[in-house]
Amino acid sequence: MKTAERILIAVDDSPGSERAVNYVGRMLAGNDSARVRLFHVVEPFGPPWIAMHGDLEEDSGSAEGPEARLIEEAQRRSRPTLDKMAGVLLEAGFDPDRLETSWFTAAREDSLPTEVLELAHEQGYGTVVVSRSALPWHRELFHSHLADRLVKKGEGLAIWVVE
């Protein structure tokens, strides 16, 4: 069941992401039913990126391919950011039992907005929150921000864009 009380927040290590999480914390102060999922977007590592890092092709006996290892490393590096953003909500009085953190890896850079919206619909989130300064690599690649593309395509969802 989709509900406005299920909120999906895209975060990275930018000050804008922290502002967005602070905003959600203030909006939800005293709300005992909202559920929040903070997710850090792992930039997709397609074949061109992997080819540039040929040393990753050499496997040390692992069953995982180079992309899986890159994603795992990106998740390890972004864990402190997720923990910090979760801490912002906890300091605002948010119930830790209603808070989740996770990673999200789009299949391709250009499909990120569509995949985020599909995730929101499939998992019953009614609200998607993003900072305009989050995910600068997306803006560089597509000359538009993820927030702009979410607003255009976010039919049936509340999209909160925090400056």
N, C-alpha and C. Protein backbone atom coordinates (compact mmCIF):
# COMPACT_ATOMS: atom_id res chain seq x y z
N MET A 1 0.84 -1.19 0.00
CA MET A 1 0.00 0.00 0.00
C MET A 1 0.88 1.24 0.00
N LYS A 2 0.63 2.13 -0.95
CA LYS A 2 1.40 3.36 -1.04
C LYS A 2 0.82 4.38 -0.06
N THR A 3 1.69 5.05 0.61
CA THR A 3 1.24 6.05 1.56
C THR A 3 2.23 7.19 1.61
N ALA A 4 1.72 8.38 1.88
CA ALA A 4 2.60 9.54 2.02
C ALA A 4 3.51 9.39 3.22
N GLU A 5 3.19 8.47 4.10
CA GLU A 5 4.01 8.28 5.29
C GLU A 5 5.17 7.32 5.06
N ARG A 6 5.33 6.87 3.84
CA ARG A 6 6.52 6.08 3.46
C ARG A 6 7.35 6.98 2.57
N ILE A 7 8.53 7.35 3.06
CA ILE A 7 9.34 8.37 2.41
C ILE A 7 10.69 7.79 2.01
N LEU A 8 11.05 8.02 0.76
CA LEU A 8 12.31 7.55 0.18
C LEU A 8 13.19 8.77 -0.03
N ILE A 9 14.38 8.78 0.58
CA ILE A 9 15.26 9.95 0.51
C ILE A 9 16.59 9.56 -0.14
N ALA A 10 16.90 10.22 -1.27
CA ALA A 10 18.19 10.01 -1.94
C ALA A 10 19.24 10.87 -1.25
N VAL A 11 20.34 10.25 -0.82
CA VAL A 11 21.39 11.01 -0.13
C VAL A 11 22.75 10.76 -0.75
N ASP A 12 23.61 11.74 -0.56
CA ASP A 12 25.03 11.59 -0.83
C ASP A 12 25.73 12.40 0.25
N ASP A 13 27.00 12.71 0.07
CA ASP A 13 27.72 13.40 1.14
C ASP A 13 27.68 14.92 0.99
N SER A 14 26.73 15.45 0.24
CA SER A 14 26.66 16.89 0.01
C SER A 14 25.92 17.60 1.15
N PRO A 15 26.23 18.89 1.37
CA PRO A 15 25.47 19.67 2.35
C PRO A 15 23.98 19.72 2.00
N GLY A 16 23.66 19.69 0.71
CA GLY A 16 22.26 19.71 0.30
C GLY A 16 21.51 18.48 0.78
N SER A 17 22.15 17.33 0.74
CA SER A 17 21.52 16.11 1.24
C SER A 17 21.25 16.22 2.73
N GLU A 18 22.21 16.78 3.45
CA GLU A 18 22.00 16.94 4.88
C GLU A 18 20.84 17.90 5.15
N ARG A 19 20.74 18.97 4.35
CA ARG A 19 19.60 19.89 4.50
C ARG A 19 18.28 19.16 4.23
N ALA A 20 18.26 18.32 3.21
CA ALA A 20 17.04 17.58 2.89
C ALA A 20 16.65 16.65 4.04
N VAL A 21 17.62 15.96 4.60
CA VAL A 21 17.34 15.04 5.71
C VAL A 21 16.90 15.84 6.94
N ASN A 22 17.55 16.97 7.20
CA ASN A 22 17.11 17.84 8.31
C ASN A 22 15.66 18.28 8.11
N TYR A 23 15.32 18.65 6.88
CA TYR A 23 13.97 19.10 6.57
C TYR A 23 12.96 17.99 6.87
N VAL A 24 13.25 16.78 6.41
CA VAL A 24 12.36 15.66 6.67
C VAL A 24 12.25 15.42 8.17
N GLY A 25 13.37 15.50 8.88
CA GLY A 25 13.35 15.32 10.33
C GLY A 25 12.43 16.33 11.02
N ARG A 26 12.49 17.59 10.58
CA ARG A 26 11.61 18.62 11.16
C ARG A 26 10.15 18.36 10.79
N MET A 27 9.91 17.95 9.56
CA MET A 27 8.53 17.70 9.11
C MET A 27 7.91 16.51 9.84
N LEU A 28 8.73 15.54 10.20
CA LEU A 28 8.21 14.32 10.83
C LEU A 28 8.27 14.35 12.35
N ALA A 29 8.74 15.44 12.92
CA ALA A 29 8.85 15.53 14.38
C ALA A 29 7.48 15.21 14.99
N GLY A 30 7.46 14.23 15.86
CA GLY A 30 6.23 13.85 16.54
C GLY A 30 5.35 12.87 15.76
N ASN A 31 5.72 12.54 14.54
CA ASN A 31 4.94 11.60 13.74
C ASN A 31 5.37 10.19 14.12
N ASP A 32 4.43 9.41 14.61
CA ASP A 32 4.76 8.06 15.08
C ASP A 32 4.48 6.97 14.06
N SER A 33 4.09 7.35 12.85
CA SER A 33 3.76 6.32 11.88
C SER A 33 4.59 6.37 10.60
N ALA A 34 5.31 7.45 10.36
CA ALA A 34 6.09 7.57 9.12
C ALA A 34 7.25 6.57 9.11
N ARG A 35 7.56 6.09 7.92
CA ARG A 35 8.71 5.21 7.71
C ARG A 35 9.59 5.87 6.67
N VAL A 36 10.90 5.82 6.90
CA VAL A 36 11.86 6.47 6.00
C VAL A 36 12.91 5.47 5.56
N ARG A 37 13.25 5.55 4.29
CA ARG A 37 14.37 4.78 3.76
C ARG A 37 15.34 5.77 3.14
N LEU A 38 16.54 5.85 3.72
CA LEU A 38 17.62 6.65 3.15
C LEU A 38 18.36 5.74 2.18
N PHE A 39 18.58 6.23 0.97
CA PHE A 39 19.35 5.40 0.05
C PHE A 39 20.42 6.23 -0.63
N HIS A 40 21.57 5.63 -0.73
CA HIS A 40 22.72 6.26 -1.38
C HIS A 40 22.82 5.66 -2.78
N VAL A 41 22.84 6.53 -3.77
CA VAL A 41 22.95 6.05 -5.15
C VAL A 41 24.41 5.77 -5.46
N VAL A 42 24.67 4.54 -5.87
CA VAL A 42 26.00 4.16 -6.32
C VAL A 42 26.03 4.41 -7.82
N GLU A 43 26.95 5.25 -8.25
CA GLU A 43 27.05 5.58 -9.67
C GLU A 43 27.26 4.30 -10.47
N PRO A 44 26.50 4.12 -11.55
CA PRO A 44 26.64 2.89 -12.34
C PRO A 44 28.05 2.77 -12.93
N PHE A 45 28.56 1.54 -12.95
CA PHE A 45 29.88 1.25 -13.50
C PHE A 45 29.68 0.39 -14.74
N GLY A 46 29.50 1.02 -15.87
CA GLY A 46 29.30 0.28 -17.10
C GLY A 46 30.61 -0.20 -17.69
N PRO A 47 30.54 -0.93 -18.78
CA PRO A 47 31.75 -1.46 -19.44
C PRO A 47 32.82 -0.42 -19.74
N PRO A 48 32.47 0.83 -20.18
CA PRO A 48 33.54 1.81 -20.44
C PRO A 48 34.35 2.11 -19.17
N TRP A 49 33.66 2.24 -18.03
CA TRP A 49 34.35 2.55 -16.78
C TRP A 49 35.24 1.38 -16.38
N ILE A 50 34.70 0.18 -16.51
CA ILE A 50 35.48 -1.01 -16.14
C ILE A 50 36.69 -1.15 -17.06
N ALA A 51 36.51 -0.86 -18.35
CA ALA A 51 37.62 -0.96 -19.30
C ALA A 51 38.74 0.00 -18.94
N MET A 52 38.39 1.17 -18.41
CA MET A 52 39.41 2.14 -18.01
C MET A 52 40.20 1.65 -16.81
N HIS A 53 39.64 0.72 -16.07
CA HIS A 53 40.29 0.19 -14.87
C HIS A 53 40.57 -1.30 -15.08
N GLY A 54 41.34 -1.59 -16.11
CA GLY A 54 41.62 -2.96 -16.51
C GLY A 54 42.20 -3.82 -15.42
N ASP A 55 42.89 -3.20 -14.46
CA ASP A 55 43.47 -3.98 -13.37
C ASP A 55 42.39 -4.69 -12.57
N LEU A 56 41.18 -4.19 -12.63
CA LEU A 56 40.09 -4.83 -11.89
C LEU A 56 39.62 -6.10 -12.58
N GLU A 57 39.96 -6.25 -13.85
CA GLU A 57 39.56 -7.44 -14.59
C GLU A 57 40.24 -8.68 -14.04
N GLU A 58 41.45 -8.49 -13.52
CA GLU A 58 42.18 -9.64 -13.00
C GLU A 58 41.57 -10.06 -11.69
N ASP A 59 41.09 -11.26 -11.67
CA ASP A 59 40.35 -11.76 -10.53
C ASP A 59 41.29 -12.51 -9.59
N SER A 60 41.06 -12.34 -8.33
CA SER A 60 41.89 -13.04 -7.34
C SER A 60 41.13 -14.24 -6.79
N GLY A 61 40.50 -14.98 -7.68
CA GLY A 61 39.78 -16.17 -7.24
C GLY A 61 38.35 -15.89 -6.82
N SER A 62 37.92 -14.64 -6.88
CA SER A 62 36.56 -14.29 -6.48
C SER A 62 35.58 -14.66 -7.59
N ALA A 63 34.39 -15.07 -7.19
CA ALA A 63 33.34 -15.39 -8.17
C ALA A 63 32.69 -14.12 -8.70
N GLU A 64 32.92 -13.00 -8.04
CA GLU A 64 32.31 -11.74 -8.46
C GLU A 64 33.11 -11.12 -9.59
N GLY A 65 32.42 -10.43 -10.48
CA GLY A 65 33.08 -9.71 -11.55
C GLY A 65 33.55 -8.35 -11.06
N PRO A 66 34.22 -7.61 -11.93
CA PRO A 66 34.77 -6.31 -11.53
C PRO A 66 33.69 -5.31 -11.12
N GLU A 67 32.53 -5.35 -11.79
CA GLU A 67 31.47 -4.40 -11.44
C GLU A 67 30.97 -4.65 -10.02
N ALA A 68 30.80 -5.90 -9.65
CA ALA A 68 30.34 -6.23 -8.30
C ALA A 68 31.34 -5.75 -7.26
N ARG A 69 32.62 -5.90 -7.55
CA ARG A 69 33.64 -5.44 -6.59
C ARG A 69 33.64 -3.92 -6.48
N LEU A 70 33.43 -3.24 -7.62
CA LEU A 70 33.37 -1.77 -7.59
C LEU A 70 32.17 -1.29 -6.78
N ILE A 71 31.05 -1.94 -6.96
CA ILE A 71 29.84 -1.56 -6.22
C ILE A 71 30.06 -1.80 -4.73
N GLU A 72 30.65 -2.93 -4.39
CA GLU A 72 30.92 -3.23 -2.98
C GLU A 72 31.83 -2.17 -2.36
N GLU A 73 32.85 -1.76 -3.09
CA GLU A 73 33.77 -0.73 -2.60
C GLU A 73 33.05 0.61 -2.45
N ALA A 74 32.22 0.95 -3.42
CA ALA A 74 31.46 2.21 -3.34
C ALA A 74 30.51 2.19 -2.14
N GLN A 75 29.92 1.05 -1.86
CA GLN A 75 29.04 0.93 -0.70
C GLN A 75 29.84 1.08 0.60
N ARG A 76 31.00 0.48 0.64
CA ARG A 76 31.84 0.59 1.84
C ARG A 76 32.21 2.05 2.08
N ARG A 77 32.58 2.77 1.01
CA ARG A 77 32.96 4.18 1.15
C ARG A 77 31.78 5.07 1.54
N SER A 78 30.57 4.70 1.12
CA SER A 78 29.42 5.55 1.40
C SER A 78 28.71 5.21 2.71
N ARG A 79 29.09 4.14 3.38
CA ARG A 79 28.46 3.76 4.65
C ARG A 79 28.50 4.90 5.67
N PRO A 80 29.64 5.62 5.84
CA PRO A 80 29.64 6.72 6.81
C PRO A 80 28.61 7.81 6.47
N THR A 81 28.38 8.05 5.19
CA THR A 81 27.38 9.04 4.79
C THR A 81 25.98 8.58 5.21
N LEU A 82 25.65 7.33 4.93
CA LEU A 82 24.34 6.81 5.34
C LEU A 82 24.18 6.88 6.85
N ASP A 83 25.23 6.51 7.59
CA ASP A 83 25.17 6.55 9.05
C ASP A 83 24.98 7.98 9.55
N LYS A 84 25.69 8.93 8.93
CA LYS A 84 25.57 10.34 9.32
C LYS A 84 24.15 10.84 9.08
N MET A 85 23.59 10.54 7.92
CA MET A 85 22.24 11.01 7.59
C MET A 85 21.20 10.34 8.49
N ALA A 86 21.39 9.07 8.81
CA ALA A 86 20.49 8.41 9.75
C ALA A 86 20.58 9.09 11.11
N GLY A 87 21.79 9.47 11.51
CA GLY A 87 21.98 10.17 12.78
C GLY A 87 21.23 11.49 12.84
N VAL A 88 21.15 12.18 11.71
CA VAL A 88 20.40 13.45 11.65
C VAL A 88 18.94 13.19 12.00
N LEU A 89 18.36 12.14 11.42
CA LEU A 89 16.96 11.82 11.72
C LEU A 89 16.79 11.36 13.16
N LEU A 90 17.72 10.57 13.65
CA LEU A 90 17.62 10.09 15.03
C LEU A 90 17.72 11.24 16.02
N GLU A 91 18.59 12.21 15.74
CA GLU A 91 18.70 13.39 16.60
C GLU A 91 17.41 14.21 16.61
N ALA A 92 16.68 14.17 15.50
CA ALA A 92 15.41 14.89 15.41
C ALA A 92 14.30 14.13 16.14
N GLY A 93 14.64 12.96 16.69
CA GLY A 93 13.67 12.19 17.45
C GLY A 93 12.98 11.09 16.65
N PHE A 94 13.50 10.80 15.47
CA PHE A 94 12.87 9.77 14.64
C PHE A 94 13.13 8.40 15.24
N ASP A 95 12.14 7.53 15.21
CA ASP A 95 12.22 6.18 15.76
C ASP A 95 13.13 5.31 14.89
N PRO A 96 14.21 4.76 15.45
CA PRO A 96 15.13 3.94 14.65
C PRO A 96 14.48 2.70 14.05
N ASP A 97 13.39 2.22 14.64
CA ASP A 97 12.70 1.05 14.11
C ASP A 97 11.93 1.36 12.82
N ARG A 98 11.79 2.64 12.51
CA ARG A 98 11.07 3.04 11.31
C ARG A 98 12.01 3.65 10.27
N LEU A 99 13.30 3.37 10.43
CA LEU A 99 14.32 3.93 9.55
C LEU A 99 15.15 2.81 8.92
N GLU A 100 15.30 2.88 7.61
CA GLU A 100 16.13 1.92 6.88
C GLU A 100 17.18 2.68 6.09
N THR A 101 18.30 2.02 5.83
CA THR A 101 19.31 2.58 4.93
C THR A 101 19.65 1.52 3.90
N SER A 102 19.97 1.98 2.70
CA SER A 102 20.33 1.03 1.66
C SER A 102 21.07 1.75 0.54
N TRP A 103 21.50 0.97 -0.43
CA TRP A 103 22.16 1.50 -1.62
C TRP A 103 21.27 1.22 -2.81
N PHE A 104 21.49 2.01 -3.83
CA PHE A 104 20.74 1.83 -5.07
C PHE A 104 21.70 2.00 -6.22
N THR A 105 21.74 1.04 -7.11
CA THR A 105 22.59 1.12 -8.29
C THR A 105 21.70 1.01 -9.52
N ALA A 106 21.68 2.05 -10.31
CA ALA A 106 20.90 2.02 -11.55
C ALA A 106 21.63 1.18 -12.58
N ALA A 107 20.88 0.57 -13.47
CA ALA A 107 21.49 -0.24 -14.52
C ALA A 107 22.34 0.62 -15.44
N ARG A 108 21.86 1.84 -15.71
CA ARG A 108 22.58 2.79 -16.56
C ARG A 108 22.35 4.18 -15.99
N GLU A 109 23.28 5.09 -16.27
CA GLU A 109 23.16 6.44 -15.75
C GLU A 109 21.86 7.10 -16.21
N ASP A 110 21.49 6.92 -17.47
CA ASP A 110 20.32 7.61 -18.00
C ASP A 110 19.00 7.03 -17.50
N SER A 111 19.04 5.87 -16.88
CA SER A 111 17.80 5.26 -16.38
C SER A 111 17.56 5.54 -14.90
N LEU A 112 18.45 6.26 -14.25
CA LEU A 112 18.34 6.49 -12.80
C LEU A 112 16.99 7.06 -12.38
N PRO A 113 16.50 8.15 -12.98
CA PRO A 113 15.21 8.68 -12.53
C PRO A 113 14.08 7.65 -12.65
N THR A 114 14.03 6.96 -13.77
CA THR A 114 12.98 5.96 -13.98
C THR A 114 13.08 4.85 -12.96
N GLU A 115 14.29 4.38 -12.69
CA GLU A 115 14.47 3.28 -11.74
C GLU A 115 14.14 3.70 -10.31
N VAL A 116 14.48 4.93 -9.94
CA VAL A 116 14.13 5.42 -8.59
C VAL A 116 12.61 5.48 -8.45
N LEU A 117 11.93 5.99 -9.47
CA LEU A 117 10.47 6.09 -9.42
C LEU A 117 9.82 4.70 -9.41
N GLU A 118 10.37 3.76 -10.17
CA GLU A 118 9.86 2.39 -10.14
C GLU A 118 10.02 1.79 -8.75
N LEU A 119 11.17 2.01 -8.13
CA LEU A 119 11.40 1.53 -6.78
C LEU A 119 10.36 2.10 -5.82
N ALA A 120 10.11 3.40 -5.92
CA ALA A 120 9.12 4.05 -5.05
C ALA A 120 7.74 3.43 -5.25
N HIS A 121 7.33 3.26 -6.49
CA HIS A 121 6.01 2.67 -6.76
C HIS A 121 5.93 1.22 -6.29
N GLU A 122 6.94 0.42 -6.63
CA GLU A 122 6.92 -1.00 -6.29
C GLU A 122 6.93 -1.25 -4.79
N GLN A 123 7.63 -0.39 -4.03
CA GLN A 123 7.74 -0.63 -2.60
C GLN A 123 6.80 0.25 -1.77
N GLY A 124 5.88 0.93 -2.44
CA GLY A 124 4.83 1.64 -1.73
C GLY A 124 5.23 2.96 -1.10
N TYR A 125 6.27 3.61 -1.62
CA TYR A 125 6.63 4.93 -1.11
C TYR A 125 5.73 5.96 -1.78
N GLY A 126 5.22 6.90 -1.00
CA GLY A 126 4.37 7.96 -1.53
C GLY A 126 5.13 9.24 -1.78
N THR A 127 6.31 9.35 -1.17
CA THR A 127 7.10 10.58 -1.26
C THR A 127 8.55 10.23 -1.57
N VAL A 128 9.15 10.98 -2.50
CA VAL A 128 10.57 10.86 -2.81
C VAL A 128 11.19 12.22 -2.52
N VAL A 129 12.28 12.22 -1.77
CA VAL A 129 12.96 13.46 -1.39
C VAL A 129 14.36 13.45 -1.98
N VAL A 130 14.74 14.57 -2.59
CA VAL A 130 16.09 14.70 -3.15
C VAL A 130 16.53 16.14 -2.97
N SER A 131 17.81 16.32 -2.78
CA SER A 131 18.39 17.66 -2.72
C SER A 131 18.80 18.05 -4.13
N ARG A 132 18.68 19.30 -4.44
CA ARG A 132 19.08 19.73 -5.79
C ARG A 132 20.59 19.57 -5.98
N SER A 133 21.36 19.59 -4.90
CA SER A 133 22.82 19.48 -5.05
C SER A 133 23.30 18.03 -5.00
N ALA A 134 22.40 17.08 -4.76
CA ALA A 134 22.80 15.68 -4.70
C ALA A 134 23.13 15.15 -6.10
N LEU A 135 24.00 14.18 -6.17
CA LEU A 135 24.36 13.46 -7.39
C LEU A 135 24.81 14.39 -8.51
N PRO A 136 25.86 15.18 -8.29
CA PRO A 136 26.31 16.12 -9.32
C PRO A 136 26.75 15.43 -10.61
N TRP A 137 27.21 14.19 -10.54
CA TRP A 137 27.62 13.48 -11.75
C TRP A 137 26.44 13.31 -12.70
N HIS A 138 25.22 13.20 -12.17
CA HIS A 138 24.04 13.05 -13.02
C HIS A 138 23.81 14.34 -13.82
N ARG A 139 24.00 15.47 -13.17
CA ARG A 139 23.82 16.76 -13.85
C ARG A 139 24.87 16.93 -14.95
N GLU A 140 26.10 16.56 -14.65
CA GLU A 140 27.17 16.69 -15.64
C GLU A 140 26.89 15.84 -16.88
N LEU A 141 26.37 14.65 -16.68
CA LEU A 141 26.11 13.75 -17.80
C LEU A 141 24.90 14.17 -18.63
N PHE A 142 23.86 14.65 -17.97
CA PHE A 142 22.59 14.85 -18.67
C PHE A 142 22.14 16.31 -18.75
N HIS A 143 22.95 17.22 -18.26
CA HIS A 143 22.63 18.64 -18.31
C HIS A 143 21.27 18.95 -17.68
N SER A 144 20.84 18.11 -16.81
CA SER A 144 19.65 18.37 -15.99
C SER A 144 19.89 17.62 -14.69
N HIS A 145 19.24 18.07 -13.68
CA HIS A 145 19.45 17.44 -12.38
C HIS A 145 18.46 16.30 -12.20
N LEU A 146 18.85 15.33 -11.39
CA LEU A 146 17.96 14.23 -11.06
C LEU A 146 16.63 14.76 -10.56
N ALA A 147 16.65 15.79 -9.74
CA ALA A 147 15.40 16.35 -9.20
C ALA A 147 14.47 16.79 -10.32
N ASP A 148 15.02 17.45 -11.33
CA ASP A 148 14.20 17.92 -12.45
C ASP A 148 13.53 16.75 -13.16
N ARG A 149 14.28 15.70 -13.35
CA ARG A 149 13.75 14.53 -14.07
C ARG A 149 12.75 13.76 -13.21
N LEU A 150 12.96 13.73 -11.89
CA LEU A 150 11.99 13.07 -11.01
C LEU A 150 10.66 13.83 -11.02
N VAL A 151 10.73 15.16 -10.96
CA VAL A 151 9.51 15.97 -10.96
C VAL A 151 8.73 15.75 -12.26
N LYS A 152 9.43 15.70 -13.38
CA LYS A 152 8.76 15.50 -14.68
C LYS A 152 8.08 14.14 -14.78
N LYS A 153 8.72 13.12 -14.20
CA LYS A 153 8.23 11.75 -14.38
C LYS A 153 7.51 11.19 -13.16
N GLY A 154 7.43 11.94 -12.08
CA GLY A 154 6.96 11.40 -10.80
C GLY A 154 5.46 11.33 -10.61
N GLU A 155 4.75 10.94 -11.63
CA GLU A 155 3.29 10.86 -11.54
C GLU A 155 2.85 9.94 -10.40
N GLY A 156 1.91 10.42 -9.60
CA GLY A 156 1.38 9.62 -8.51
C GLY A 156 2.20 9.67 -7.25
N LEU A 157 3.27 10.46 -7.24
CA LEU A 157 4.15 10.57 -6.07
C LEU A 157 4.31 12.03 -5.69
N ALA A 158 4.57 12.26 -4.43
CA ALA A 158 4.99 13.59 -3.99
C ALA A 158 6.51 13.62 -4.13
N ILE A 159 7.03 14.61 -4.84
CA ILE A 159 8.48 14.77 -5.00
C ILE A 159 8.87 16.04 -4.27
N TRP A 160 9.68 15.88 -3.22
CA TRP A 160 10.17 17.03 -2.46
C TRP A 160 11.58 17.33 -2.93
N VAL A 161 11.80 18.54 -3.41
CA VAL A 161 13.13 18.96 -3.84
C VAL A 161 13.58 20.03 -2.85
N VAL A 162 14.67 19.75 -2.16
CA VAL A 162 15.19 20.68 -1.15
C VAL A 162 16.41 21.37 -1.73
N GLU A 163 16.39 22.70 -1.71
CA GLU A 163 17.51 23.49 -2.24
C GLU A 163 18.64 23.52 -1.23
